[in-house]
Structures are given as C-alpha cells and as structure tokens.
Protein backbone atom coordinates (compact mmCIF):
# COMPACT_ATOMS: atom_id res chain seq x y z
CA MET A 1 0.51 70.91 -19.82
CA SER A 2 0.25 68.79 -16.71
CA ALA A 3 2.71 67.61 -14.12
CA LEU A 4 1.57 64.15 -15.09
CA THR A 5 3.78 64.99 -18.04
CA VAL A 6 6.80 64.09 -16.00
CA GLY A 7 5.52 61.86 -13.26
CA CYS A 8 4.02 61.89 -15.01
CA SER A 9 18.51 64.77 -44.98
CA ALA A 10 17.06 68.25 -44.39
CA PRO A 11 13.33 68.82 -44.88
CA SER A 12 12.14 69.38 -48.41
CA GLU A 13 12.45 73.02 -49.34
CA SER A 14 9.09 72.93 -51.06
CA GLY A 15 7.30 71.86 -47.88
CA PRO A 16 4.68 69.16 -47.38
CA GLN A 17 1.86 71.23 -48.82
CA ALA A 18 3.71 72.49 -51.87
CA GLU A 19 1.42 70.67 -54.29
CA ASN A 20 -1.80 71.81 -52.66
CA SER A 21 -3.61 74.53 -54.52
CA SER A 22 -6.73 76.56 -54.05
CA PRO A 23 -8.67 78.30 -56.83
CA THR A 24 -9.93 81.01 -54.49
CA HIS A 25 -7.08 81.72 -52.06
CA GLN A 26 -3.65 83.19 -52.73
CA ARG A 27 -0.63 80.93 -52.26
CA LEU A 28 0.89 81.28 -48.78
CA ALA A 29 4.04 79.61 -47.50
CA GLY A 30 3.26 76.99 -44.91
CA PRO A 31 5.34 76.74 -41.74
CA THR A 32 7.85 74.33 -43.35
CA GLN A 33 8.71 76.93 -45.96
CA ALA A 34 8.28 79.96 -43.72
CA LEU A 35 10.58 78.92 -40.87
CA PRO A 36 14.31 78.77 -41.63
CA GLY A 37 15.40 75.26 -42.55
CA ASP A 38 18.99 75.44 -41.32
CA ARG A 39 18.47 76.40 -37.65
CA PRO A 40 15.82 76.48 -34.94
CA THR A 41 13.45 79.41 -34.47
CA ILE A 42 12.56 80.74 -31.04
CA GLY A 43 8.83 80.72 -30.47
CA LEU A 44 6.58 81.56 -27.56
CA ASN A 45 3.69 79.96 -25.70
CA PRO A 46 2.34 83.26 -24.33
CA ASP A 47 -0.17 84.08 -21.63
CA TRP A 48 -2.22 86.27 -23.97
CA GLY A 49 -4.26 87.80 -21.15
CA VAL A 50 -1.14 89.10 -19.42
CA GLU A 51 1.29 90.13 -22.13
CA THR A 52 1.23 90.89 -25.85
CA LEU A 53 3.92 89.67 -28.21
CA GLU A 54 5.09 93.26 -28.59
CA GLN A 55 5.40 93.64 -24.82
CA PHE A 56 7.40 90.43 -24.64
CA ALA A 57 9.71 91.69 -27.37
CA THR A 58 10.16 95.01 -25.57
CA THR A 59 10.97 93.32 -22.26
CA THR A 60 13.31 90.66 -23.60
CA GLY A 61 14.62 92.08 -26.85
CA VAL A 62 13.55 88.81 -28.52
CA THR A 63 10.95 88.76 -31.31
CA PRO A 64 9.44 85.25 -31.42
CA GLY A 65 9.03 83.69 -34.84
CA ALA A 66 6.01 81.67 -33.72
CA ALA A 67 3.35 81.87 -31.05
CA VAL A 68 0.90 79.34 -29.62
CA SER A 69 -2.84 79.84 -29.25
CA PHE A 70 -5.33 77.35 -27.79
CA ILE A 71 -8.89 76.75 -28.96
CA HIS A 72 -11.62 74.28 -28.05
CA MET A 73 -13.31 72.02 -30.60
CA PRO A 74 -16.05 72.83 -31.19
CA PHE A 75 -15.28 76.45 -30.41
CA SER A 76 -17.30 79.50 -29.47
CA GLU A 77 -17.22 82.89 -31.17
CA THR A 78 -15.17 84.17 -28.23
CA ASP A 79 -12.63 81.40 -28.91
CA ALA A 80 -12.51 82.42 -32.56
CA GLU A 81 -12.02 86.09 -31.66
CA ASN A 82 -9.12 85.14 -29.39
CA VAL A 83 -7.50 83.25 -32.25
CA ARG A 84 -8.00 86.20 -34.59
CA ASP A 85 -6.38 88.50 -32.04
CA ALA A 86 -3.45 86.12 -31.66
CA ALA A 87 -3.12 85.88 -35.44
CA ASP A 88 -3.12 89.69 -35.71
CA GLN A 89 -0.27 89.88 -33.21
CA VAL A 90 1.66 87.15 -35.03
CA ALA A 91 1.08 88.95 -38.34
CA GLY A 92 2.48 92.13 -36.82
CA MET A 93 5.63 90.27 -35.79
CA GLY A 94 5.91 88.37 -39.06
CA GLY A 95 5.76 84.86 -37.69
CA VAL A 96 3.82 81.59 -37.63
CA LEU A 97 0.79 80.70 -35.49
CA MET A 98 0.72 77.33 -33.75
CA LEU A 99 -2.97 76.67 -33.15
CA THR A 100 -3.56 74.00 -30.52
CA LEU A 101 -6.93 72.31 -30.96
CA GLU A 102 -8.46 70.86 -27.78
CA PRO A 103 -11.59 68.65 -28.06
CA HIS A 104 -12.54 68.91 -24.39
CA GLU A 105 -15.89 67.27 -25.08
CA GLY A 106 -14.02 64.19 -26.31
CA LEU A 107 -12.98 62.93 -29.71
CA GLU A 108 -16.62 62.36 -30.63
CA ALA A 109 -16.85 66.17 -30.85
CA VAL A 110 -14.63 66.04 -33.94
CA THR A 111 -17.51 66.00 -36.43
CA GLU A 112 -17.99 67.16 -40.01
CA GLU A 113 -19.61 70.32 -38.65
CA SER A 114 -16.84 71.18 -36.18
CA ILE A 115 -14.19 70.46 -38.81
CA ALA A 116 -15.97 72.74 -41.29
CA GLU A 117 -16.02 75.56 -38.71
CA LEU A 118 -12.33 75.01 -38.07
CA ILE A 119 -11.50 75.14 -41.78
CA ASP A 120 -13.36 78.44 -42.16
CA LEU A 121 -11.26 79.94 -39.36
CA LEU A 122 -8.01 78.55 -40.77
CA VAL A 123 -8.78 79.94 -44.21
CA GLU A 124 -9.47 83.33 -42.64
CA VAL A 125 -6.15 83.30 -40.79
CA ASN A 126 -4.23 82.09 -43.84
CA ASP A 127 -5.88 84.79 -45.95
CA ALA A 128 -4.44 87.29 -43.47
CA GLU A 129 -1.01 85.90 -44.53
CA VAL A 130 -0.40 84.00 -41.32
CA PRO A 131 0.89 80.42 -41.72
CA VAL A 132 -0.60 77.97 -39.21
CA MET A 133 0.83 74.87 -37.60
CA LEU A 134 -2.22 72.94 -36.36
CA ARG A 135 -1.46 70.95 -33.21
CA PHE A 136 -4.44 68.63 -32.94
CA ALA A 137 -5.23 67.11 -29.52
CA HIS A 138 -1.72 67.38 -28.12
CA GLU A 139 -0.28 65.08 -25.45
CA MET A 140 -2.69 62.36 -26.58
CA ASN A 141 -0.46 59.74 -24.92
CA GLY A 142 -1.25 61.22 -21.49
CA SER A 143 -4.12 60.29 -19.20
CA TRP A 144 -5.11 63.84 -18.20
CA TYR A 145 -7.12 64.99 -21.26
CA PRO A 146 -10.48 63.63 -22.50
CA TRP A 147 -8.84 62.77 -25.83
CA GLY A 148 -5.98 60.90 -24.16
CA MET A 149 -5.09 57.18 -24.26
CA GLN A 150 -7.54 56.42 -27.10
CA PRO A 151 -5.21 55.51 -29.98
CA GLU A 152 -7.75 54.25 -32.50
CA ALA A 153 -10.22 57.13 -32.10
CA TYR A 154 -7.40 59.65 -31.96
CA ILE A 155 -5.83 58.48 -35.21
CA ASP A 156 -9.19 58.48 -36.99
CA ALA A 157 -9.92 62.04 -35.82
CA PHE A 158 -6.43 63.29 -36.69
CA ARG A 159 -6.63 61.87 -40.19
CA GLU A 160 -10.08 63.36 -40.77
CA VAL A 161 -8.92 66.82 -39.71
CA ALA A 162 -5.72 66.49 -41.75
CA ALA A 163 -7.63 65.55 -44.90
CA ALA A 164 -9.80 68.67 -44.64
CA VAL A 165 -6.78 70.87 -43.90
CA ARG A 166 -4.88 69.60 -46.92
CA GLU A 167 -7.82 69.87 -49.28
CA GLN A 168 -9.14 73.27 -48.22
CA THR A 169 -6.33 75.44 -46.81
CA THR A 170 -3.21 76.89 -48.37
CA GLY A 171 -0.93 77.79 -45.46
CA THR A 172 -1.77 75.28 -42.71
CA GLU A 173 0.19 72.16 -41.77
CA MET A 174 -0.42 69.40 -39.24
CA ILE A 175 1.83 68.69 -36.27
CA TRP A 176 1.65 65.49 -34.23
CA ALA A 177 2.87 66.26 -30.72
CA PRO A 178 2.75 63.69 -27.91
CA ASN A 179 4.09 64.26 -24.42
CA TYR A 180 7.54 63.10 -23.39
CA GLY A 181 7.18 59.45 -22.35
CA GLY A 182 8.89 59.66 -18.95
CA GLY A 183 6.40 58.31 -16.40
CA TYR A 184 4.29 56.53 -19.03
CA PRO A 185 1.61 55.12 -18.82
CA PHE A 186 0.82 57.90 -16.34
CA VAL A 187 -1.15 55.72 -13.96
CA GLY A 188 -3.92 57.45 -12.01
CA GLY A 189 -5.03 59.93 -14.64
CA GLN A 190 -8.74 60.39 -15.18
CA TYR A 191 -8.62 58.97 -18.70
CA ALA A 192 -6.35 55.98 -18.14
CA PRO A 193 -7.68 52.97 -20.10
CA GLU A 194 -9.34 50.07 -18.31
CA PRO A 195 -7.92 46.53 -18.66
CA GLY A 196 -9.88 44.48 -21.15
CA THR A 197 -10.77 47.42 -23.40
CA THR A 198 -9.62 47.78 -26.99
CA ASP A 199 -7.58 50.86 -26.08
CA PHE A 200 -5.77 48.95 -23.35
CA GLU A 201 -4.92 46.13 -25.75
CA LEU A 202 -3.63 48.54 -28.39
CA LEU A 203 -1.42 50.29 -25.84
CA ASP A 204 -0.04 47.01 -24.48
CA THR A 205 2.65 46.96 -27.16
CA ASP A 206 4.72 44.21 -25.57
CA GLY A 207 1.65 42.00 -25.11
CA ASP A 208 2.27 41.12 -21.47
CA GLY A 209 -1.23 42.06 -20.33
CA GLU A 210 -0.07 45.17 -18.45
CA LEU A 211 0.64 48.80 -19.26
CA THR A 212 4.13 49.69 -18.03
CA GLN A 213 7.09 51.86 -18.97
CA LEU A 214 8.19 49.04 -21.27
CA ASP A 215 5.23 49.74 -23.59
CA ASP A 216 5.81 52.18 -26.43
CA PRO A 217 4.39 55.61 -25.44
CA TYR A 218 4.41 57.03 -28.98
CA ASP A 219 3.86 54.48 -31.76
CA PRO A 220 0.22 53.51 -30.99
CA PHE A 221 -0.78 57.14 -31.50
CA TYR A 222 1.11 57.92 -34.72
CA PRO A 223 -1.43 58.84 -37.44
CA GLY A 224 0.81 58.11 -40.45
CA ASP A 225 3.48 59.81 -42.52
CA ASP A 226 0.95 60.83 -45.16
CA VAL A 227 -0.95 63.14 -42.78
CA VAL A 228 1.82 64.38 -40.47
CA ASP A 229 3.80 67.41 -41.64
CA TRP A 230 5.66 68.12 -38.37
CA VAL A 231 6.42 66.08 -35.28
CA GLY A 232 6.78 67.57 -31.82
CA MET A 233 7.00 66.87 -28.13
CA SER A 234 6.09 68.67 -24.89
CA LEU A 235 9.29 68.53 -22.85
CA TYR A 236 9.79 70.34 -19.52
CA HIS A 237 12.26 70.41 -16.66
CA TRP A 238 9.98 69.82 -13.66
CA GLY A 239 12.83 69.23 -11.23
CA ASP A 240 14.76 66.20 -10.07
CA SER A 241 12.19 63.75 -8.83
CA HIS A 242 8.57 63.08 -7.93
CA PRO A 243 6.78 64.54 -6.03
CA TRP A 244 7.58 67.75 -7.84
CA GLY A 245 7.88 71.04 -6.03
CA SER A 246 11.55 71.67 -5.31
CA ASN A 247 13.73 74.11 -7.22
CA ASP A 248 16.39 71.92 -8.83
CA LEU A 249 19.07 72.73 -11.38
CA PRO A 250 18.70 70.72 -14.60
CA GLU A 251 21.19 67.92 -15.03
CA PRO A 252 23.65 68.42 -17.92
CA GLU A 253 22.34 67.11 -21.28
CA LYS A 254 18.96 66.24 -19.78
CA PHE A 255 17.06 67.82 -22.69
CA SER A 256 18.97 65.97 -25.40
CA GLU A 257 18.89 62.67 -23.50
CA GLN A 258 15.12 62.86 -23.07
CA LEU A 259 14.68 63.64 -26.76
CA ARG A 260 16.82 60.60 -27.55
CA GLY A 261 15.21 58.33 -24.95
CA THR A 262 18.50 57.75 -23.13
CA TYR A 263 17.87 59.70 -19.91
CA SER A 264 18.71 57.95 -16.65
CA GLY A 265 19.21 60.28 -13.74
CA LEU A 266 17.69 61.87 -10.68
CA ALA A 267 14.16 61.61 -12.10
CA GLY A 268 14.64 57.87 -12.63
CA ASP A 269 15.76 55.47 -15.32
CA GLU A 270 13.87 56.33 -18.52
CA SER A 271 16.38 54.81 -20.91
CA MET A 272 13.84 52.20 -22.06
CA LEU A 273 12.02 54.91 -24.04
CA PRO A 274 12.23 55.03 -27.84
CA ASP A 275 14.56 57.52 -29.53
CA PHE A 276 11.85 60.03 -30.48
CA TYR A 277 14.15 62.19 -32.60
CA GLU A 278 15.56 59.35 -34.64
CA LEU A 279 12.28 57.48 -35.15
CA TYR A 280 9.95 60.37 -35.91
CA ALA A 281 12.09 63.26 -37.19
CA ALA A 282 15.27 61.88 -38.76
CA ASN A 283 14.01 58.56 -40.14
CA ARG A 284 10.78 60.07 -41.46
CA ASP A 285 12.41 63.31 -42.67
CA LYS A 286 9.96 65.39 -40.63
CA PRO A 287 10.76 68.82 -39.16
CA LEU A 288 10.69 68.76 -35.37
CA ALA A 289 9.17 71.32 -33.01
CA ILE A 290 9.17 71.57 -29.24
CA PRO A 291 5.72 73.18 -28.80
CA GLU A 292 6.15 73.63 -25.04
CA THR A 293 9.21 73.80 -22.81
CA ALA A 294 10.32 75.66 -19.68
CA ALA A 295 11.97 75.05 -16.31
CA PHE A 296 10.15 74.70 -13.00
CA VAL A 297 10.65 77.54 -10.47
CA THR A 298 8.37 78.26 -7.53
CA ALA A 299 7.17 81.77 -6.76
CA ASP A 300 9.19 81.89 -3.53
CA ALA A 301 12.45 80.67 -5.05
CA ASP A 302 15.64 82.62 -4.38
CA PRO A 303 16.01 85.01 -7.36
CA ASP A 304 19.57 83.93 -8.13
CA LEU A 305 18.59 80.26 -8.05
CA ALA A 306 15.52 80.92 -10.20
CA LEU A 307 17.69 82.58 -12.83
CA GLU A 308 20.25 79.78 -12.77
CA ILE A 309 17.62 77.02 -13.14
CA LYS A 310 16.06 78.67 -16.18
CA ARG A 311 19.41 79.66 -17.60
CA GLN A 312 20.80 76.13 -17.44
CA TRP A 313 17.70 74.82 -19.19
CA TRP A 314 17.64 77.33 -22.04
CA GLN A 315 21.40 76.98 -22.50
CA GLN A 316 20.85 73.25 -23.05
CA ILE A 317 18.05 73.85 -25.53
CA PHE A 318 20.00 76.38 -27.59
CA ALA A 319 23.42 74.74 -27.32
CA GLU A 320 25.62 74.71 -30.41
CA ASP A 321 26.11 70.93 -30.24
CA LEU A 322 22.34 70.38 -30.22
CA ARG A 323 22.10 72.33 -33.45
CA SER A 324 24.42 69.82 -35.12
CA GLU A 325 23.01 66.75 -33.32
CA PHE A 326 19.38 67.58 -34.12
CA PRO A 327 19.34 69.20 -37.59
CA GLN A 328 15.60 68.50 -37.94
CA LEU A 329 14.86 70.67 -34.87
CA ARG A 330 13.22 73.74 -36.39
CA LEU A 331 11.12 75.39 -33.67
CA ILE A 332 11.31 75.72 -29.86
CA ASN A 333 8.47 77.45 -27.98
CA TRP A 334 9.11 78.68 -24.45
CA PHE A 335 6.06 78.27 -22.18
CA ASN A 336 5.88 81.85 -20.91
CA TRP A 337 3.29 81.53 -18.16
CA ASP A 338 3.31 82.12 -14.43
CA LYS A 339 0.45 79.92 -13.32
CA HIS A 340 -0.97 77.88 -10.50
CA GLU A 341 -0.11 74.23 -10.94
CA PRO A 342 -2.43 71.85 -9.05
CA GLU A 343 0.25 69.17 -8.90
CA VAL A 344 2.26 71.34 -6.49
CA ASP A 345 -0.67 73.46 -5.27
CA GLY A 346 1.21 76.66 -5.92
CA LEU A 347 2.31 79.30 -8.38
CA VAL A 348 5.04 78.22 -10.79
CA ARG A 349 7.03 80.88 -12.62
CA TRP A 350 7.73 79.29 -15.98
CA SER A 351 8.12 82.63 -17.76
CA VAL A 352 11.26 84.50 -18.77
CA SER A 353 9.68 87.95 -19.07
CA THR A 354 8.15 88.72 -15.66
CA ASP A 355 11.57 89.29 -14.08
CA GLN A 356 13.80 91.79 -15.88
CA ASP A 357 17.05 90.12 -14.77
CA ILE A 358 15.86 86.82 -16.25
CA ALA A 359 14.65 88.59 -19.40
CA ASP A 360 18.03 90.28 -19.86
CA ALA A 361 19.87 86.98 -19.34
CA PHE A 362 17.59 85.26 -21.87
CA ARG A 363 18.46 87.83 -24.51
CA GLU A 364 22.15 87.73 -23.60
CA ASP A 365 22.35 83.93 -23.86
CA LEU A 366 20.26 83.42 -27.00
CA PRO A 367 22.76 82.59 -29.77
CA GLU A 368 22.80 84.81 -32.84
CA TRP A 369 22.07 81.83 -35.07
CA VAL A 370 18.66 81.23 -33.44
CA ALA A 371 16.02 82.58 -35.83
CA GLU A 372 13.47 85.21 -34.77
CA ALA A 373 10.44 86.77 -36.43
CA HIS A 374 12.45 88.81 -38.92
CA ASP A 375 13.94 85.56 -40.27
CA VAL A 376 10.53 84.07 -41.13
CA ASN A 377 9.59 84.12 -44.83
CA ARG A 378 5.84 83.96 -45.39
CA ALA A 379 5.81 84.62 -49.12
CA GLY A 380 4.36 81.79 -51.17
C-alpha cells in the first residue's frame, strides 16, 4: 500500500480449478469453492508481528475467513517460515490464505527456479488443507513498486506463474488486483515509464502521446480471462484531498462510486475511470475481492472522530444495498495495521483492534450475513 494509491450470473459453483487434478495430492477446495458464494466474507490484512488471528478474534469477536501474508520472490527461508506460520493460524481458524507475491528485485526475478520454489511452498500449504489465493505483484498499475507500470513484462510473468499454479497445485487460485485508478498515472513515482518507451506507448491507451487520467488504468495490465480466477482492487479512504494527512469523514457512497468509476467529490473528479466492477467482475463472471481497505486516521486524532471515520467507512463496505448491487463481491480484507506512512510522515491507525471501543463497534456493526471463518468450507 502507498499513498500514491490515492494521489495517488453468480460464480460457477465448481470453481475455476475444478477440473485440475493431481495424482499425488488430495483434492482441496480452492477459494472460489471454499468462500460462500452468496455473500461477502470478512478477511484480514494482519500485522503478524503484533497480533495473531486468535488475538484479533478475541479482541473484536470477529473470526476472519481469510488472511493476507506477504512474501518476496525469490524468497528466503525466513519468508517461507513466516508463510507457514500464517498458514497454520489460518488453518486454526478454518479460512483461506491470500498470499501476496512481491518481486522486489523486478519482474526479471520471476524465473523458472523462483516459480518452482513457489510451487513447492504452495503445495505444502495446500497439503495442510489451506486454500490459497495468490495475489501476484499487486498494484501493478502504480509507479511505486519495481514491478509497476510494465504491462508487457507483467502479463508475461503473471501468465507463467498462473500456468505453473494450475498444473501443479490443487487448492490455489490466481487473483489479479490492481490499485484503484484515482490519481492515475501516479506521476512522480520511482517506476513511472519514460516517454518513448514501449511501456509508455502501451499505457497511452488514447494515443495522444501523453499519460493522463484519460488513459485506462486497468486494461493494459489484464493478463487474460484464462489465467485469472479472481479480480480485486486495493481501495482505501485516505481522506478528502491531497496532500493527505487530515482526519476526514468518508463521503456517502464513496466506496461504491470508486468501484464503479463514478466518483466525483472532495478528492476530485474521477468519473472518467472505467467501471471496474462491471468490466472485470460482472462481465467476466469473476468473483471480486477487496484485498486491502481501511480508513485513514492519524495517531493524534480525537477518539470519537477516529471511531466515526472508520465506522462510516466499514458501514459503507458492508451495507445491505452493496450486497445486492455487487453480487460478485466475495471477500473484503480490512488492513489491520498501525504503521508509519511516509506520505504523511506519521503514524496512521488503520486498524480496528488496537482500540477496544473501535473493536466493539466493528463487531456491533458487522451484519450477520457477512461470512466469517466458520462459514468457510475447505472440503474438496
């Protein structure tokens, strides 16, 4: 996640991997089968070094049906051990692991060798009866990661990883998850493409010789229906307007309008963006996840205001009308970190579990129809 992010018919019951088989590994339900198909599941993007899933459940009374873990590619043994620990905690809850794969050495690090190491780890996790949603090189349409703004190389790498996953695992599915396009093309990021390069030309979707908000922030990076099982989007409430840093209540319907590409408000007119939900979830019959979401609150915010900001955001996300408007929306992960954000040079309290009043309100407001870990079915 980066602050450049903002300035920055129902799915088949058999699931996209239903026909895959393995002669050596027991059948395991993939995430499409495991997560309820008729309602969203609450998931968590946890700060594993601060809080276990069990501690989160004790504090909030909510048992997340999915949890996010991050790993480099290639990865170290310490990275692998962290994933195993996360998978153990997810197994104890009965949920799904969303494994976010980050090639910080660049897309050239996605080699046959690094893919083989990844597959070994995925098979190990699947054999422990934990379904995996593999989020490869997320937010690839941003300019802040070394794999960003490189559509051709990104698609090639995604498809290579997806082919290995489909051929050699039994409970892993691929999710394609760009960043919300507000602020695109995120000028000033370290990995912004240079004019005259192939990447620049591919991203100049309207062919006017410039990269602007009128260029499509999603389509150049889409790897293809045949290799994408889930679609997703990082979507946060950072406040009202750039520069970020103030504690602002979310505008009504902001979440749904951003998902639809119709938002025009205090953060600017972003209504030129494509309708992400319609184009990538509904029209392609793909289940939709929100891998990361939360609401911006500074560490020194008034406690009542902090609660109200977060409450208004989660009430939007879990509103009854959103359930009917976005039937493909199957998973929403709250970004449960309190962390220093360089964009505001300060601590941001994204979490819902480090303040008991906020934790209690989160439990109180979460509708009964939102699925939790006990609703996940991992049987193949």
